[in-house]
Amino acid sequence: MSLKELNLAPHEQAYDLFQSCCAAPGWIQGMIDGRPYANRDDMIDHCLSLWPTLSEADWLAAFEAHPKIGDVNSLRAKYANTKALASGEQAGAKSAPDEILARLKTGNDQYLEKFGFIFIVCATGKSAMEMLTLLEARLPNTRQEELKNAAKEQAKITELRLEKLV
């Protein structure tokens, strides 16, 4: 989609497009209200300006839109070949070991139980082991610390999605 098309999209279509990047209602409305954007940098700058204005309810809505990884098989599928994909080398890639996947599942479950929302991290370029290390490092945090951490990660994810959108 071109930036011009996004700028001219009817409200409902723009809502759906922005929601595909981030499900925080305040952010979506802010992005719609910020149109028209002169260029991609203008759009990203506006996106960045919205993050500090969002409420906890906005962040939780954004987190809720992410799928929860519920079992070792879904983790295996998610992290198969991630190391090779991250480095751009697909040949000879190995899947994440079952032990790592089991620890990811357990950690994800503990995180959700402790904080009330799923573990959010910008996974682009990270291996299963790197994800596990981040998850385990964040588990001892307070809920308020994790809300901030997850919000920062959500912002990174959203910016990547916005860049792909236009």
N, C-alpha and C. Protein backbone atom coordinates (compact mmCIF):
# COMPACT_ATOMS: atom_id res chain seq x y z
N MET A 1 0.84 -1.16 0.00
CA MET A 1 0.00 0.00 0.00
C MET A 1 0.89 1.24 0.00
N SER A 2 0.47 2.23 -0.74
CA SER A 2 1.24 3.46 -0.78
C SER A 2 0.79 4.37 0.37
N LEU A 3 1.64 5.30 0.72
CA LEU A 3 1.31 6.26 1.76
C LEU A 3 0.11 7.11 1.33
N LYS A 4 0.04 7.45 0.06
CA LYS A 4 -1.09 8.22 -0.45
C LYS A 4 -2.40 7.46 -0.23
N GLU A 5 -2.39 6.15 -0.52
CA GLU A 5 -3.59 5.34 -0.31
C GLU A 5 -3.97 5.29 1.17
N LEU A 6 -2.99 5.18 2.03
CA LEU A 6 -3.25 5.16 3.46
C LEU A 6 -3.84 6.50 3.92
N ASN A 7 -3.27 7.58 3.42
CA ASN A 7 -3.77 8.90 3.78
C ASN A 7 -5.21 9.11 3.34
N LEU A 8 -5.59 8.53 2.21
CA LEU A 8 -6.93 8.73 1.64
C LEU A 8 -7.93 7.65 2.03
N ALA A 9 -7.47 6.63 2.72
CA ALA A 9 -8.35 5.51 3.07
C ALA A 9 -9.50 6.00 3.95
N PRO A 10 -10.71 5.48 3.71
CA PRO A 10 -11.84 5.82 4.59
C PRO A 10 -11.53 5.39 6.03
N HIS A 11 -12.20 6.01 6.97
CA HIS A 11 -11.93 5.79 8.40
C HIS A 11 -11.90 4.30 8.76
N GLU A 12 -12.90 3.54 8.35
CA GLU A 12 -12.95 2.11 8.72
C GLU A 12 -11.78 1.34 8.16
N GLN A 13 -11.42 1.61 6.92
CA GLN A 13 -10.28 0.93 6.31
C GLN A 13 -8.98 1.33 7.02
N ALA A 14 -8.83 2.62 7.29
CA ALA A 14 -7.62 3.08 7.99
C ALA A 14 -7.55 2.44 9.37
N TYR A 15 -8.69 2.34 10.05
CA TYR A 15 -8.72 1.72 11.37
C TYR A 15 -8.20 0.28 11.27
N ASP A 16 -8.72 -0.46 10.32
CA ASP A 16 -8.29 -1.86 10.15
C ASP A 16 -6.80 -1.95 9.82
N LEU A 17 -6.32 -1.06 8.97
CA LEU A 17 -4.91 -1.09 8.59
C LEU A 17 -4.01 -0.79 9.78
N PHE A 18 -4.34 0.24 10.53
CA PHE A 18 -3.53 0.56 11.70
C PHE A 18 -3.66 -0.51 12.78
N GLN A 19 -4.85 -1.08 12.91
CA GLN A 19 -5.05 -2.14 13.90
C GLN A 19 -4.20 -3.36 13.58
N SER A 20 -3.90 -3.58 12.30
CA SER A 20 -3.03 -4.71 11.94
C SER A 20 -1.59 -4.48 12.41
N CYS A 21 -1.26 -3.24 12.73
CA CYS A 21 0.07 -2.92 13.25
C CYS A 21 0.10 -2.93 14.77
N CYS A 22 -1.00 -2.48 15.39
CA CYS A 22 -1.08 -2.41 16.85
C CYS A 22 -2.55 -2.26 17.25
N ALA A 23 -2.99 -3.04 18.21
CA ALA A 23 -4.40 -3.06 18.58
C ALA A 23 -4.75 -2.08 19.70
N ALA A 24 -3.84 -1.21 20.09
CA ALA A 24 -4.14 -0.21 21.12
C ALA A 24 -5.10 0.83 20.56
N PRO A 25 -6.32 0.92 21.08
CA PRO A 25 -7.31 1.86 20.52
C PRO A 25 -6.83 3.31 20.47
N GLY A 26 -6.16 3.77 21.51
CA GLY A 26 -5.67 5.14 21.53
C GLY A 26 -4.63 5.39 20.45
N TRP A 27 -3.79 4.40 20.21
CA TRP A 27 -2.77 4.53 19.17
C TRP A 27 -3.43 4.55 17.79
N ILE A 28 -4.37 3.64 17.57
CA ILE A 28 -5.05 3.57 16.27
C ILE A 28 -5.71 4.91 15.96
N GLN A 29 -6.47 5.43 16.92
CA GLN A 29 -7.17 6.70 16.69
C GLN A 29 -6.17 7.83 16.47
N GLY A 30 -5.09 7.82 17.23
CA GLY A 30 -4.06 8.84 17.05
C GLY A 30 -3.43 8.79 15.67
N MET A 31 -3.22 7.59 15.16
CA MET A 31 -2.65 7.45 13.82
C MET A 31 -3.64 7.91 12.75
N ILE A 32 -4.91 7.61 12.95
CA ILE A 32 -5.92 8.06 12.00
C ILE A 32 -6.00 9.59 12.02
N ASP A 33 -6.04 10.15 13.22
CA ASP A 33 -6.14 11.60 13.36
C ASP A 33 -4.91 12.33 12.83
N GLY A 34 -3.77 11.66 12.81
CA GLY A 34 -2.52 12.28 12.35
C GLY A 34 -2.39 12.38 10.84
N ARG A 35 -3.29 11.73 10.12
CA ARG A 35 -3.24 11.81 8.66
C ARG A 35 -3.63 13.20 8.19
N PRO A 36 -3.15 13.64 7.05
CA PRO A 36 -2.26 12.93 6.13
C PRO A 36 -0.79 13.06 6.54
N TYR A 37 -0.04 12.04 6.21
CA TYR A 37 1.39 12.03 6.48
C TYR A 37 2.13 12.46 5.23
N ALA A 38 3.10 13.35 5.39
CA ALA A 38 3.86 13.86 4.25
C ALA A 38 4.77 12.78 3.66
N ASN A 39 5.29 11.91 4.53
CA ASN A 39 6.19 10.85 4.10
C ASN A 39 6.26 9.80 5.20
N ARG A 40 7.01 8.72 4.95
CA ARG A 40 7.11 7.64 5.94
C ARG A 40 7.72 8.13 7.25
N ASP A 41 8.73 8.98 7.16
CA ASP A 41 9.37 9.49 8.38
C ASP A 41 8.37 10.28 9.22
N ASP A 42 7.54 11.07 8.56
CA ASP A 42 6.50 11.83 9.26
C ASP A 42 5.55 10.88 9.99
N MET A 43 5.18 9.79 9.32
CA MET A 43 4.29 8.80 9.92
C MET A 43 4.95 8.14 11.14
N ILE A 44 6.20 7.76 10.99
CA ILE A 44 6.92 7.11 12.10
C ILE A 44 7.11 8.09 13.26
N ASP A 45 7.45 9.33 12.94
CA ASP A 45 7.59 10.34 14.00
C ASP A 45 6.29 10.51 14.77
N HIS A 46 5.17 10.53 14.06
CA HIS A 46 3.88 10.66 14.72
C HIS A 46 3.61 9.43 15.59
N CYS A 47 3.92 8.27 15.08
CA CYS A 47 3.78 7.03 15.85
C CYS A 47 4.57 7.13 17.15
N LEU A 48 5.81 7.56 17.07
CA LEU A 48 6.66 7.69 18.26
C LEU A 48 6.08 8.69 19.26
N SER A 49 5.47 9.73 18.76
CA SER A 49 4.91 10.75 19.65
C SER A 49 3.69 10.24 20.41
N LEU A 50 3.05 9.19 19.90
CA LEU A 50 1.85 8.66 20.55
C LEU A 50 2.16 7.74 21.72
N TRP A 51 3.30 7.06 21.70
CA TRP A 51 3.59 6.06 22.74
C TRP A 51 3.44 6.60 24.16
N PRO A 52 4.00 7.75 24.48
CA PRO A 52 3.87 8.22 25.87
C PRO A 52 2.45 8.61 26.28
N THR A 53 1.56 8.75 25.32
CA THR A 53 0.19 9.17 25.63
C THR A 53 -0.74 8.00 25.91
N LEU A 54 -0.28 6.78 25.66
CA LEU A 54 -1.16 5.62 25.80
C LEU A 54 -1.36 5.22 27.25
N SER A 55 -2.53 4.71 27.53
CA SER A 55 -2.88 4.25 28.87
C SER A 55 -2.50 2.77 29.03
N GLU A 56 -2.55 2.30 30.27
CA GLU A 56 -2.32 0.89 30.52
C GLU A 56 -3.34 0.04 29.76
N ALA A 57 -4.58 0.50 29.70
CA ALA A 57 -5.61 -0.25 28.97
C ALA A 57 -5.25 -0.37 27.48
N ASP A 58 -4.66 0.69 26.91
CA ASP A 58 -4.22 0.62 25.51
C ASP A 58 -3.14 -0.44 25.34
N TRP A 59 -2.15 -0.42 26.23
CA TRP A 59 -1.06 -1.39 26.13
C TRP A 59 -1.58 -2.81 26.28
N LEU A 60 -2.47 -3.02 27.25
CA LEU A 60 -3.00 -4.37 27.46
C LEU A 60 -3.80 -4.83 26.24
N ALA A 61 -4.52 -3.93 25.60
CA ALA A 61 -5.25 -4.28 24.37
C ALA A 61 -4.27 -4.68 23.27
N ALA A 62 -3.16 -3.97 23.18
CA ALA A 62 -2.14 -4.30 22.18
C ALA A 62 -1.54 -5.67 22.46
N PHE A 63 -1.23 -5.94 23.74
CA PHE A 63 -0.63 -7.23 24.10
C PHE A 63 -1.61 -8.37 23.83
N GLU A 64 -2.88 -8.13 24.13
CA GLU A 64 -3.91 -9.16 23.98
C GLU A 64 -4.05 -9.62 22.53
N ALA A 65 -3.71 -8.75 21.60
CA ALA A 65 -3.84 -9.08 20.18
C ALA A 65 -2.76 -10.06 19.69
N HIS A 66 -1.72 -10.24 20.49
CA HIS A 66 -0.67 -11.19 20.12
C HIS A 66 -1.12 -12.60 20.47
N PRO A 67 -0.81 -13.58 19.62
CA PRO A 67 -1.17 -14.95 19.97
C PRO A 67 -0.30 -15.47 21.11
N LYS A 68 -0.92 -16.19 22.01
CA LYS A 68 -0.17 -16.82 23.10
C LYS A 68 0.38 -18.14 22.59
N ILE A 69 1.63 -18.36 22.87
CA ILE A 69 2.24 -19.63 22.50
C ILE A 69 1.88 -20.63 23.58
N GLY A 70 1.10 -21.64 23.22
CA GLY A 70 0.54 -22.50 24.24
C GLY A 70 1.15 -23.86 24.42
N ASP A 71 1.93 -24.34 23.47
CA ASP A 71 2.49 -25.67 23.64
C ASP A 71 3.83 -25.80 22.95
N VAL A 72 4.51 -26.87 23.25
CA VAL A 72 5.85 -27.08 22.71
C VAL A 72 5.82 -27.20 21.19
N ASN A 73 4.78 -27.81 20.62
CA ASN A 73 4.71 -27.94 19.17
C ASN A 73 4.62 -26.59 18.48
N SER A 74 3.83 -25.66 19.05
CA SER A 74 3.74 -24.34 18.43
C SER A 74 5.06 -23.59 18.61
N LEU A 75 5.74 -23.78 19.73
CA LEU A 75 7.05 -23.17 19.91
C LEU A 75 8.06 -23.76 18.92
N ARG A 76 7.99 -25.07 18.72
CA ARG A 76 8.91 -25.71 17.77
C ARG A 76 8.73 -25.10 16.39
N ALA A 77 7.48 -24.93 15.97
CA ALA A 77 7.21 -24.35 14.65
C ALA A 77 7.70 -22.90 14.59
N LYS A 78 7.48 -22.15 15.67
CA LYS A 78 7.86 -20.73 15.69
C LYS A 78 9.38 -20.57 15.61
N TYR A 79 10.13 -21.39 16.32
CA TYR A 79 11.56 -21.19 16.42
C TYR A 79 12.39 -22.10 15.52
N ALA A 80 11.76 -22.89 14.69
CA ALA A 80 12.52 -23.71 13.74
C ALA A 80 13.31 -22.78 12.82
N ASN A 81 14.57 -23.01 12.76
CA ASN A 81 15.45 -22.28 11.83
C ASN A 81 15.58 -20.79 12.12
N THR A 82 15.21 -20.32 13.28
CA THR A 82 15.29 -18.88 13.52
C THR A 82 16.72 -18.36 13.47
N LYS A 83 17.66 -19.12 13.96
CA LYS A 83 19.05 -18.66 13.95
C LYS A 83 19.53 -18.46 12.51
N ALA A 84 19.23 -19.42 11.65
CA ALA A 84 19.65 -19.32 10.26
C ALA A 84 18.91 -18.18 9.55
N LEU A 85 17.63 -18.04 9.81
CA LEU A 85 16.87 -16.97 9.17
C LEU A 85 17.39 -15.61 9.60
N ALA A 86 17.75 -15.50 10.86
CA ALA A 86 18.24 -14.22 11.36
C ALA A 86 19.55 -13.84 10.70
N SER A 87 20.38 -14.81 10.40
CA SER A 87 21.66 -14.51 9.77
C SER A 87 21.58 -14.56 8.25
N GLY A 88 20.41 -14.91 7.73
CA GLY A 88 20.25 -14.96 6.28
C GLY A 88 20.76 -16.25 5.67
N GLU A 89 21.08 -17.22 6.48
CA GLU A 89 21.58 -18.49 5.96
C GLU A 89 20.58 -19.58 6.30
N GLN A 90 19.85 -20.05 5.31
CA GLN A 90 18.82 -21.04 5.59
C GLN A 90 19.34 -22.47 5.53
N ALA A 91 20.38 -22.70 4.81
CA ALA A 91 20.88 -24.06 4.65
C ALA A 91 21.52 -24.55 5.95
N GLY A 92 21.24 -25.79 6.28
CA GLY A 92 21.89 -26.40 7.44
C GLY A 92 21.36 -25.93 8.78
N ALA A 93 20.23 -25.27 8.81
CA ALA A 93 19.69 -24.77 10.07
C ALA A 93 19.19 -25.90 10.94
N LYS A 94 19.34 -25.74 12.23
CA LYS A 94 18.85 -26.73 13.18
C LYS A 94 17.68 -26.13 13.95
N SER A 95 16.74 -26.97 14.30
CA SER A 95 15.62 -26.53 15.12
C SER A 95 16.10 -26.31 16.55
N ALA A 96 15.36 -25.50 17.27
CA ALA A 96 15.68 -25.29 18.68
C ALA A 96 15.52 -26.61 19.42
N PRO A 97 16.40 -26.89 20.37
CA PRO A 97 16.30 -28.14 21.14
C PRO A 97 15.00 -28.18 21.95
N ASP A 98 14.49 -29.40 22.14
CA ASP A 98 13.25 -29.57 22.89
C ASP A 98 13.35 -28.98 24.30
N GLU A 99 14.51 -29.08 24.93
CA GLU A 99 14.69 -28.54 26.28
C GLU A 99 14.45 -27.03 26.30
N ILE A 100 14.96 -26.34 25.30
CA ILE A 100 14.77 -24.88 25.21
C ILE A 100 13.30 -24.57 24.99
N LEU A 101 12.66 -25.32 24.10
CA LEU A 101 11.24 -25.09 23.83
C LEU A 101 10.38 -25.34 25.06
N ALA A 102 10.71 -26.38 25.81
CA ALA A 102 9.96 -26.68 27.04
C ALA A 102 10.14 -25.56 28.06
N ARG A 103 11.36 -25.04 28.17
CA ARG A 103 11.61 -23.94 29.10
C ARG A 103 10.88 -22.67 28.64
N LEU A 104 10.80 -22.45 27.34
CA LEU A 104 10.05 -21.30 26.83
C LEU A 104 8.57 -21.41 27.17
N LYS A 105 8.03 -22.60 27.00
CA LYS A 105 6.62 -22.80 27.32
C LYS A 105 6.37 -22.56 28.80
N THR A 106 7.20 -23.14 29.65
CA THR A 106 7.05 -22.96 31.09
C THR A 106 7.19 -21.49 31.47
N GLY A 107 8.20 -20.83 30.91
CA GLY A 107 8.43 -19.42 31.20
C GLY A 107 7.28 -18.54 30.73
N ASN A 108 6.75 -18.82 29.54
CA ASN A 108 5.61 -18.07 29.03
C ASN A 108 4.40 -18.23 29.96
N ASP A 109 4.16 -19.45 30.42
CA ASP A 109 3.05 -19.70 31.33
C ASP A 109 3.25 -18.97 32.65
N GLN A 110 4.46 -19.00 33.19
CA GLN A 110 4.75 -18.31 34.45
C GLN A 110 4.58 -16.80 34.29
N TYR A 111 5.03 -16.28 33.17
CA TYR A 111 4.94 -14.85 32.90
C TYR A 111 3.48 -14.41 32.87
N LEU A 112 2.66 -15.13 32.13
CA LEU A 112 1.24 -14.79 32.04
C LEU A 112 0.58 -14.84 33.41
N GLU A 113 0.88 -15.87 34.16
CA GLU A 113 0.28 -16.01 35.50
C GLU A 113 0.71 -14.88 36.42
N LYS A 114 1.98 -14.49 36.35
CA LYS A 114 2.50 -13.46 37.25
C LYS A 114 2.03 -12.06 36.88
N PHE A 115 2.06 -11.74 35.57
CA PHE A 115 1.82 -10.36 35.15
C PHE A 115 0.42 -10.10 34.61
N GLY A 116 -0.26 -11.17 34.18
CA GLY A 116 -1.61 -10.99 33.65
C GLY A 116 -1.66 -10.65 32.18
N PHE A 117 -0.53 -10.68 31.51
CA PHE A 117 -0.46 -10.50 30.06
C PHE A 117 0.71 -11.33 29.55
N ILE A 118 0.68 -11.61 28.24
CA ILE A 118 1.70 -12.49 27.69
C ILE A 118 3.05 -11.77 27.55
N PHE A 119 4.10 -12.56 27.47
CA PHE A 119 5.45 -12.05 27.26
C PHE A 119 5.53 -11.41 25.88
N ILE A 120 5.89 -10.13 25.85
CA ILE A 120 6.00 -9.39 24.60
C ILE A 120 7.47 -9.02 24.39
N VAL A 121 7.97 -9.38 23.23
CA VAL A 121 9.34 -9.02 22.87
C VAL A 121 9.39 -8.93 21.35
N CYS A 122 10.16 -8.01 20.84
CA CYS A 122 10.36 -7.92 19.40
C CYS A 122 11.31 -9.06 19.02
N ALA A 123 10.74 -10.09 18.42
CA ALA A 123 11.47 -11.33 18.19
C ALA A 123 12.31 -11.32 16.91
N THR A 124 12.20 -10.29 16.12
CA THR A 124 12.91 -10.24 14.85
C THR A 124 14.40 -10.47 15.06
N GLY A 125 14.91 -11.51 14.40
CA GLY A 125 16.33 -11.82 14.45
C GLY A 125 16.82 -12.54 15.69
N LYS A 126 15.91 -12.93 16.57
CA LYS A 126 16.32 -13.60 17.80
C LYS A 126 16.09 -15.11 17.71
N SER A 127 17.03 -15.86 18.24
CA SER A 127 16.89 -17.31 18.30
C SER A 127 16.03 -17.69 19.50
N ALA A 128 15.63 -18.94 19.56
CA ALA A 128 14.85 -19.43 20.69
C ALA A 128 15.64 -19.25 22.00
N MET A 129 16.93 -19.49 21.97
CA MET A 129 17.75 -19.33 23.17
C MET A 129 17.81 -17.88 23.60
N GLU A 130 17.94 -16.98 22.66
CA GLU A 130 17.95 -15.55 23.00
C GLU A 130 16.61 -15.13 23.61
N MET A 131 15.53 -15.65 23.05
CA MET A 131 14.20 -15.34 23.59
C MET A 131 14.07 -15.89 25.01
N LEU A 132 14.54 -17.09 25.24
CA LEU A 132 14.48 -17.69 26.57
C LEU A 132 15.29 -16.86 27.57
N THR A 133 16.45 -16.44 27.18
CA THR A 133 17.30 -15.63 28.05
C THR A 133 16.59 -14.33 28.44
N LEU A 134 15.96 -13.69 27.47
CA LEU A 134 15.22 -12.46 27.75
C LEU A 134 14.02 -12.72 28.67
N LEU A 135 13.30 -13.78 28.38
CA LEU A 135 12.14 -14.15 29.19
C LEU A 135 12.54 -14.40 30.64
N GLU A 136 13.56 -15.21 30.83
CA GLU A 136 13.99 -15.56 32.18
C GLU A 136 14.56 -14.34 32.92
N ALA A 137 15.19 -13.43 32.20
CA ALA A 137 15.72 -12.22 32.83
C ALA A 137 14.59 -11.28 33.28
N ARG A 138 13.47 -11.31 32.58
CA ARG A 138 12.37 -10.41 32.90
C ARG A 138 11.40 -10.98 33.92
N LEU A 139 11.39 -12.27 34.13
CA LEU A 139 10.44 -12.88 35.07
C LEU A 139 10.53 -12.33 36.51
N PRO A 140 11.71 -12.01 37.03
CA PRO A 140 11.76 -11.50 38.41
C PRO A 140 11.24 -10.06 38.57
N ASN A 141 10.99 -9.35 37.47
CA ASN A 141 10.57 -7.95 37.53
C ASN A 141 9.21 -7.78 38.20
N THR A 142 8.92 -6.54 38.56
CA THR A 142 7.58 -6.21 39.05
C THR A 142 6.65 -6.06 37.85
N ARG A 143 5.36 -6.06 38.12
CA ARG A 143 4.38 -5.88 37.05
C ARG A 143 4.58 -4.52 36.36
N GLN A 144 4.84 -3.49 37.14
CA GLN A 144 5.02 -2.15 36.55
C GLN A 144 6.25 -2.11 35.65
N GLU A 145 7.34 -2.75 36.07
CA GLU A 145 8.54 -2.82 35.22
C GLU A 145 8.22 -3.56 33.93
N GLU A 146 7.48 -4.66 34.06
CA GLU A 146 7.18 -5.46 32.88
C GLU A 146 6.19 -4.77 31.95
N LEU A 147 5.28 -4.01 32.49
CA LEU A 147 4.38 -3.24 31.64
C LEU A 147 5.20 -2.27 30.79
N LYS A 148 6.19 -1.63 31.40
CA LYS A 148 7.06 -0.71 30.65
C LYS A 148 7.90 -1.46 29.63
N ASN A 149 8.48 -2.60 30.05
CA ASN A 149 9.30 -3.39 29.11
C ASN A 149 8.48 -3.87 27.93
N ALA A 150 7.31 -4.42 28.22
CA ALA A 150 6.45 -4.94 27.15
C ALA A 150 5.99 -3.81 26.24
N ALA A 151 5.71 -2.64 26.81
CA ALA A 151 5.29 -1.49 25.99
C ALA A 151 6.41 -1.06 25.05
N LYS A 152 7.65 -1.05 25.53
CA LYS A 152 8.79 -0.70 24.67
C LYS A 152 8.93 -1.71 23.53
N GLU A 153 8.76 -2.98 23.85
CA GLU A 153 8.87 -4.03 22.83
C GLU A 153 7.71 -3.92 21.83
N GLN A 154 6.51 -3.63 22.34
CA GLN A 154 5.35 -3.45 21.47
C GLN A 154 5.60 -2.28 20.50
N ALA A 155 6.21 -1.23 20.99
CA ALA A 155 6.52 -0.08 20.13
C ALA A 155 7.45 -0.50 18.99
N LYS A 156 8.45 -1.30 19.30
CA LYS A 156 9.38 -1.77 18.25
C LYS A 156 8.63 -2.62 17.22
N ILE A 157 7.80 -3.52 17.70
CA ILE A 157 7.03 -4.39 16.82
C ILE A 157 6.13 -3.55 15.91
N THR A 158 5.46 -2.59 16.50
CA THR A 158 4.53 -1.75 15.75
C THR A 158 5.26 -0.94 14.68
N GLU A 159 6.39 -0.39 15.01
CA GLU A 159 7.14 0.38 14.02
C GLU A 159 7.56 -0.50 12.85
N LEU A 160 7.98 -1.73 13.13
CA LEU A 160 8.33 -2.66 12.04
C LEU A 160 7.11 -2.93 11.16
N ARG A 161 5.97 -3.13 11.79
CA ARG A 161 4.74 -3.41 11.03
C ARG A 161 4.32 -2.19 10.21
N LEU A 162 4.46 -1.01 10.77
CA LEU A 162 4.12 0.21 10.03
C LEU A 162 5.00 0.36 8.80
N GLU A 163 6.28 0.09 8.96
CA GLU A 163 7.21 0.19 7.84
C GLU A 163 6.84 -0.81 6.74
N LYS A 164 6.33 -1.98 7.12
CA LYS A 164 5.91 -2.97 6.13
C LYS A 164 4.59 -2.58 5.48
N LEU A 165 3.76 -1.83 6.22
CA LEU A 165 2.45 -1.45 5.72
C LEU A 165 2.56 -0.55 4.50
N VAL A 166 3.48 0.40 4.53
CA VAL A 166 3.62 1.34 3.40
C VAL A 166 4.99 1.24 2.76
